[in-house]
Amino acid sequence: MWTVVYIAPSRLVAESLQNVLSSEGLLVMLRTIGIPHVGDSSAVEILVPESEVDEAMEILNSNVR
């Protein structure tokens, strides 16, 4: 099961964090919140498998300020 670990304010931020998590070996999925056609300004959920939530949160806590 996929679990939301962070809600990014934009697609650009989400993709940047996705790259960080992926480089650490985690599986990552992005899901736009709201109307998908709004573009890069929509909030985006960052999801990881439930078994990787703790590791993802540690990585995000050290990279998100």
PDB file of N, CA and C in Angstrom:
ATOM      1  N   MET A   1       0.843  -1.180   0.000  1.00  0.00           N
ATOM      2  CA  MET A   1       0.000   0.000   0.000  1.00  0.00           C
ATOM      3  C   MET A   1       0.887   1.242   0.000  1.00  0.00           C
ATOM      4  N   TRP A   2       0.524   2.233  -0.813  1.00  0.00           N
ATOM      5  CA  TRP A   2       1.250   3.485  -0.905  1.00  0.00           C
ATOM      6  C   TRP A   2       0.759   4.448   0.173  1.00  0.00           C
ATOM      7  N   THR A   3       1.680   5.208   0.750  1.00  0.00           N
ATOM      8  CA  THR A   3       1.372   6.125   1.841  1.00  0.00           C
ATOM      9  C   THR A   3       1.932   7.514   1.525  1.00  0.00           C
ATOM     10  N   VAL A   4       1.120   8.543   1.761  1.00  0.00           N
ATOM     11  CA  VAL A   4       1.568   9.924   1.558  1.00  0.00           C
ATOM     12  C   VAL A   4       2.541  10.289   2.674  1.00  0.00           C
ATOM     13  N   VAL A   5       3.731  10.772   2.283  1.00  0.00           N
ATOM     14  CA  VAL A   5       4.719  11.192   3.276  1.00  0.00           C
ATOM     15  C   VAL A   5       4.949  12.700   3.256  1.00  0.00           C
ATOM     16  N   TYR A   6       4.475  13.366   2.187  1.00  0.00           N
ATOM     17  CA  TYR A   6       4.673  14.811   2.097  1.00  0.00           C
ATOM     18  C   TYR A   6       3.739  15.370   1.030  1.00  0.00           C
ATOM     19  N   ILE A   7       3.281  16.596   1.233  1.00  0.00           N
ATOM     20  CA  ILE A   7       2.501  17.287   0.211  1.00  0.00           C
ATOM     21  C   ILE A   7       3.313  18.501  -0.217  1.00  0.00           C
ATOM     22  N   ALA A   8       3.798  18.446  -1.443  1.00  0.00           N
ATOM     23  CA  ALA A   8       4.624  19.521  -1.995  1.00  0.00           C
ATOM     24  C   ALA A   8       3.724  20.616  -2.569  1.00  0.00           C
ATOM     25  N   PRO A   9       4.149  21.860  -2.481  1.00  0.00           N
ATOM     26  CA  PRO A   9       3.328  22.971  -2.976  1.00  0.00           C
ATOM     27  C   PRO A   9       3.258  23.077  -4.496  1.00  0.00           C
ATOM     28  N   SER A  10       4.177  22.391  -5.188  1.00  0.00           N
ATOM     29  CA  SER A  10       4.185  22.458  -6.655  1.00  0.00           C
ATOM     30  C   SER A  10       4.823  21.194  -7.226  1.00  0.00           C
ATOM     31  N   ARG A  11       4.635  20.981  -8.508  1.00  0.00           N
ATOM     32  CA  ARG A  11       5.219  19.817  -9.185  1.00  0.00           C
ATOM     33  C   ARG A  11       6.745  19.909  -9.160  1.00  0.00           C
ATOM     34  N   LEU A  12       7.303  21.099  -9.299  1.00  0.00           N
ATOM     35  CA  LEU A  12       8.747  21.275  -9.292  1.00  0.00           C
ATOM     36  C   LEU A  12       9.359  20.808  -7.970  1.00  0.00           C
ATOM     37  N   VAL A  13       8.769  21.210  -6.862  1.00  0.00           N
ATOM     38  CA  VAL A  13       9.251  20.794  -5.547  1.00  0.00           C
ATOM     39  C   VAL A  13       9.085  19.288  -5.391  1.00  0.00           C
ATOM     40  N   ALA A  14       7.948  18.752  -5.818  1.00  0.00           N
ATOM     41  CA  ALA A  14       7.677  17.316  -5.702  1.00  0.00           C
ATOM     42  C   ALA A  14       8.702  16.501  -6.488  1.00  0.00           C
ATOM     43  N   GLU A  15       9.012  16.937  -7.698  1.00  0.00           N
ATOM     44  CA  GLU A  15       9.972  16.200  -8.519  1.00  0.00           C
ATOM     45  C   GLU A  15      11.377  16.271  -7.931  1.00  0.00           C
ATOM     46  N   SER A  16      11.716  17.394  -7.330  1.00  0.00           N
ATOM     47  CA  SER A  16      13.015  17.523  -6.675  1.00  0.00           C
ATOM     48  C   SER A  16      13.123  16.543  -5.505  1.00  0.00           C
ATOM     49  N   LEU A  17      12.080  16.477  -4.680  1.00  0.00           N
ATOM     50  CA  LEU A  17      12.082  15.558  -3.546  1.00  0.00           C
ATOM     51  C   LEU A  17      12.006  14.109  -4.012  1.00  0.00           C
ATOM     52  N   GLN A  18      11.296  13.864  -5.087  1.00  0.00           N
ATOM     53  CA  GLN A  18      11.238  12.521  -5.656  1.00  0.00           C
ATOM     54  C   GLN A  18      12.652  12.062  -6.041  1.00  0.00           C
ATOM     55  N   ASN A  19      13.428  12.950  -6.644  1.00  0.00           N
ATOM     56  CA  ASN A  19      14.803  12.619  -7.026  1.00  0.00           C
ATOM     57  C   ASN A  19      15.662  12.290  -5.810  1.00  0.00           C
ATOM     58  N   VAL A  20      15.484  13.056  -4.738  1.00  0.00           N
ATOM     59  CA  VAL A  20      16.241  12.806  -3.504  1.00  0.00           C
ATOM     60  C   VAL A  20      15.899  11.423  -2.957  1.00  0.00           C
ATOM     61  N   LEU A  21      14.607  11.132  -2.850  1.00  0.00           N
ATOM     62  CA  LEU A  21      14.178   9.839  -2.304  1.00  0.00           C
ATOM     63  C   LEU A  21      14.599   8.683  -3.206  1.00  0.00           C
ATOM     64  N   SER A  22      14.457   8.858  -4.494  1.00  0.00           N
ATOM     65  CA  SER A  22      14.826   7.808  -5.449  1.00  0.00           C
ATOM     66  C   SER A  22      16.325   7.527  -5.400  1.00  0.00           C
ATOM     67  N   SER A  23      17.120   8.574  -5.231  1.00  0.00           N
ATOM     68  CA  SER A  23      18.573   8.387  -5.172  1.00  0.00           C
ATOM     69  C   SER A  23      18.995   7.588  -3.936  1.00  0.00           C
ATOM     70  N   GLU A  24      18.118   7.562  -2.935  1.00  0.00           N
ATOM     71  CA  GLU A  24      18.367   6.768  -1.725  1.00  0.00           C
ATOM     72  C   GLU A  24      17.806   5.349  -1.858  1.00  0.00           C
ATOM     73  N   GLY A  25      17.251   5.040  -3.033  1.00  0.00           N
ATOM     74  CA  GLY A  25      16.773   3.677  -3.292  1.00  0.00           C
ATOM     75  C   GLY A  25      15.310   3.440  -2.972  1.00  0.00           C
ATOM     76  N   LEU A  26      14.556   4.493  -2.684  1.00  0.00           N
ATOM     77  CA  LEU A  26      13.147   4.323  -2.358  1.00  0.00           C
ATOM     78  C   LEU A  26      12.288   4.388  -3.622  1.00  0.00           C
ATOM     79  N   LEU A  27      11.185   3.668  -3.606  1.00  0.00           N
ATOM     80  CA  LEU A  27      10.182   3.777  -4.659  1.00  0.00           C
ATOM     81  C   LEU A  27       9.328   4.997  -4.340  1.00  0.00           C
ATOM     82  N   VAL A  28       9.051   5.815  -5.340  1.00  0.00           N
ATOM     83  CA  VAL A  28       8.304   7.052  -5.113  1.00  0.00           C
ATOM     84  C   VAL A  28       7.256   7.231  -6.204  1.00  0.00           C
ATOM     85  N   MET A  29       6.069   7.666  -5.795  1.00  0.00           N
ATOM     86  CA  MET A  29       5.005   7.980  -6.736  1.00  0.00           C
ATOM     87  C   MET A  29       4.499   9.385  -6.420  1.00  0.00           C
ATOM     88  N   LEU A  30       4.198  10.153  -7.459  1.00  0.00           N
ATOM     89  CA  LEU A  30       3.633  11.490  -7.284  1.00  0.00           C
ATOM     90  C   LEU A  30       2.178  11.473  -7.714  1.00  0.00           C
ATOM     91  N   ARG A  31       1.334  12.222  -6.977  1.00  0.00           N
ATOM     92  CA  ARG A  31      -0.088  12.304  -7.310  1.00  0.00           C
ATOM     93  C   ARG A  31      -0.552  13.749  -7.108  1.00  0.00           C
ATOM     94  N   THR A  32      -1.029  14.345  -8.198  1.00  0.00           N
ATOM     95  CA  THR A  32      -1.515  15.723  -8.141  1.00  0.00           C
ATOM     96  C   THR A  32      -2.797  15.810  -7.327  1.00  0.00           C
ATOM     97  N   ILE A  33      -2.899  16.844  -6.514  1.00  0.00           N
ATOM     98  CA  ILE A  33      -4.095  17.081  -5.717  1.00  0.00           C
ATOM     99  C   ILE A  33      -4.969  18.075  -6.467  1.00  0.00           C
ATOM    100  N   GLY A  34      -6.223  17.789  -6.572  1.00  0.00           N
ATOM    101  CA  GLY A  34      -7.134  18.719  -7.219  1.00  0.00           C
ATOM    102  C   GLY A  34      -7.203  18.519  -8.716  1.00  0.00           C
ATOM    103  N   ILE A  35      -7.411  19.610  -9.424  1.00  0.00           N
ATOM    104  CA  ILE A  35      -7.616  19.564 -10.866  1.00  0.00           C
ATOM    105  C   ILE A  35      -6.270  19.389 -11.569  1.00  0.00           C
ATOM    106  N   PRO A  36      -6.068  18.272 -12.270  1.00  0.00           N
ATOM    107  CA  PRO A  36      -4.772  17.986 -12.883  1.00  0.00           C
ATOM    108  C   PRO A  36      -4.340  18.988 -13.952  1.00  0.00           C
ATOM    109  N   HIS A  37      -5.268  19.634 -14.640  1.00  0.00           N
ATOM    110  CA  HIS A  37      -4.885  20.512 -15.737  1.00  0.00           C
ATOM    111  C   HIS A  37      -4.390  21.896 -15.298  1.00  0.00           C
ATOM    112  N   VAL A  38      -4.339  22.149 -14.007  1.00  0.00           N
ATOM    113  CA  VAL A  38      -3.882  23.446 -13.508  1.00  0.00           C
ATOM    114  C   VAL A  38      -2.391  23.629 -13.786  1.00  0.00           C
ATOM    115  N   GLY A  39      -1.675  22.540 -13.920  1.00  0.00           N
ATOM    116  CA  GLY A  39      -0.248  22.635 -14.263  1.00  0.00           C
ATOM    117  C   GLY A  39       0.661  22.536 -13.064  1.00  0.00           C
ATOM    118  N   ASP A  40       1.802  23.187 -13.165  1.00  0.00           N
ATOM    119  CA  ASP A  40       2.843  23.066 -12.152  1.00  0.00           C
ATOM    120  C   ASP A  40       2.497  23.720 -10.825  1.00  0.00           C
ATOM    121  N   SER A  41       1.428  24.500 -10.762  1.00  0.00           N
ATOM    122  CA  SER A  41       1.096  25.202  -9.526  1.00  0.00           C
ATOM    123  C   SER A  41       0.218  24.383  -8.582  1.00  0.00           C
ATOM    124  N   SER A  42      -0.181  23.188  -8.987  1.00  0.00           N
ATOM    125  CA  SER A  42      -1.007  22.330  -8.129  1.00  0.00           C
ATOM    126  C   SER A  42      -0.149  21.668  -7.056  1.00  0.00           C
ATOM    127  N   ALA A  43      -0.743  21.446  -5.887  1.00  0.00           N
ATOM    128  CA  ALA A  43      -0.061  20.692  -4.843  1.00  0.00           C
ATOM    129  C   ALA A  43       0.056  19.241  -5.299  1.00  0.00           C
ATOM    130  N   VAL A  44       1.128  18.584  -4.857  1.00  0.00           N
ATOM    131  CA  VAL A  44       1.399  17.212  -5.283  1.00  0.00           C
ATOM    132  C   VAL A  44       1.738  16.363  -4.062  1.00  0.00           C
ATOM    133  N   GLU A  45       1.066  15.224  -3.938  1.00  0.00           N
ATOM    134  CA  GLU A  45       1.372  14.277  -2.867  1.00  0.00           C
ATOM    135  C   GLU A  45       2.579  13.437  -3.269  1.00  0.00           C
ATOM    136  N   ILE A  46       3.453  13.199  -2.312  1.00  0.00           N
ATOM    137  CA  ILE A  46       4.582  12.300  -2.514  1.00  0.00           C
ATOM    138  C   ILE A  46       4.269  11.041  -1.711  1.00  0.00           C
ATOM    139  N   LEU A  47       4.229   9.917  -2.411  1.00  0.00           N
ATOM    140  CA  LEU A  47       3.872   8.651  -1.790  1.00  0.00           C
ATOM    141  C   LEU A  47       5.015   7.649  -1.902  1.00  0.00           C
ATOM    142  N   VAL A  48       5.140   6.811  -0.870  1.00  0.00           N
ATOM    143  CA  VAL A  48       6.100   5.709  -0.883  1.00  0.00           C
ATOM    144  C   VAL A  48       5.379   4.469  -0.362  1.00  0.00           C
ATOM    145  N   PRO A  49       5.938   3.280  -0.630  1.00  0.00           N
ATOM    146  CA  PRO A  49       5.337   2.079  -0.050  1.00  0.00           C
ATOM    147  C   PRO A  49       5.348   2.166   1.475  1.00  0.00           C
ATOM    148  N   GLU A  50       4.335   1.583   2.086  1.00  0.00           N
ATOM    149  CA  GLU A  50       4.182   1.648   3.539  1.00  0.00           C
ATOM    150  C   GLU A  50       5.438   1.187   4.270  1.00  0.00           C
ATOM    151  N   SER A  51       6.127   0.206   3.724  1.00  0.00           N
ATOM    152  CA  SER A  51       7.327  -0.330   4.371  1.00  0.00           C
ATOM    153  C   SER A  51       8.512   0.643   4.340  1.00  0.00           C
ATOM    154  N   GLU A  52       8.421   1.699   3.535  1.00  0.00           N
ATOM    155  CA  GLU A  52       9.519   2.657   3.414  1.00  0.00           C
ATOM    156  C   GLU A  52       9.205   4.022   4.035  1.00  0.00           C
ATOM    157  N   VAL A  53       8.078   4.129   4.726  1.00  0.00           N
ATOM    158  CA  VAL A  53       7.644   5.416   5.283  1.00  0.00           C
ATOM    159  C   VAL A  53       8.663   5.991   6.263  1.00  0.00           C
ATOM    160  N   ASP A  54       9.142   5.185   7.209  1.00  0.00           N
ATOM    161  CA  ASP A  54      10.069   5.704   8.218  1.00  0.00           C
ATOM    162  C   ASP A  54      11.354   6.241   7.580  1.00  0.00           C
ATOM    163  N   GLU A  55      11.896   5.492   6.641  1.00  0.00           N
ATOM    164  CA  GLU A  55      13.122   5.927   5.962  1.00  0.00           C
ATOM    165  C   GLU A  55      12.870   7.197   5.149  1.00  0.00           C
ATOM    166  N   ALA A  56      11.735   7.254   4.460  1.00  0.00           N
ATOM    167  CA  ALA A  56      11.388   8.432   3.666  1.00  0.00           C
ATOM    168  C   ALA A  56      11.263   9.659   4.566  1.00  0.00           C
ATOM    169  N   MET A  57      10.614   9.504   5.706  1.00  0.00           N
ATOM    170  CA  MET A  57      10.428  10.638   6.611  1.00  0.00           C
ATOM    171  C   MET A  57      11.778  11.155   7.131  1.00  0.00           C
ATOM    172  N   GLU A  58      12.701  10.249   7.434  1.00  0.00           N
ATOM    173  CA  GLU A  58      14.033  10.667   7.877  1.00  0.00           C
ATOM    174  C   GLU A  58      14.730  11.487   6.794  1.00  0.00           C
ATOM    175  N   ILE A  59      14.666  10.991   5.558  1.00  0.00           N
ATOM    176  CA  ILE A  59      15.303  11.682   4.433  1.00  0.00           C
ATOM    177  C   ILE A  59      14.645  13.038   4.203  1.00  0.00           C
ATOM    178  N   LEU A  60      13.325  13.077   4.215  1.00  0.00           N
ATOM    179  CA  LEU A  60      12.617  14.342   3.991  1.00  0.00           C
ATOM    180  C   LEU A  60      12.902  15.341   5.104  1.00  0.00           C
ATOM    181  N   ASN A  61      12.934  14.877   6.338  1.00  0.00           N
ATOM    182  CA  ASN A  61      13.199  15.779   7.460  1.00  0.00           C
ATOM    183  C   ASN A  61      14.576  16.421   7.369  1.00  0.00           C
ATOM    184  N   SER A  62      15.529  15.748   6.742  1.00  0.00           N
ATOM    185  CA  SER A  62      16.860  16.330   6.597  1.00  0.00           C
ATOM    186  C   SER A  62      17.010  17.161   5.328  1.00  0.00           C
ATOM    187  N   ASN A  63      16.010  17.110   4.419  1.00  0.00           N
ATOM    188  CA  ASN A  63      16.097  17.839   3.155  1.00  0.00           C
ATOM    189  C   ASN A  63      15.067  18.947   2.993  1.00  0.00           C
ATOM    190  N   VAL A  64      14.028  18.945   3.774  1.00  0.00           N
ATOM    191  CA  VAL A  64      12.969  19.955   3.644  1.00  0.00           C
ATOM    192  C   VAL A  64      13.103  20.946   4.778  1.00  0.00           C
ATOM    193  N   ARG A  65      13.191  22.182   4.424  1.00  0.00           N
ATOM    194  CA  ARG A  65      13.320  23.226   5.454  1.00  0.00           C
ATOM    195  C   ARG A  65      12.230  24.253   5.259  1.00  0.00           C
TER     196      ARG A  65
END
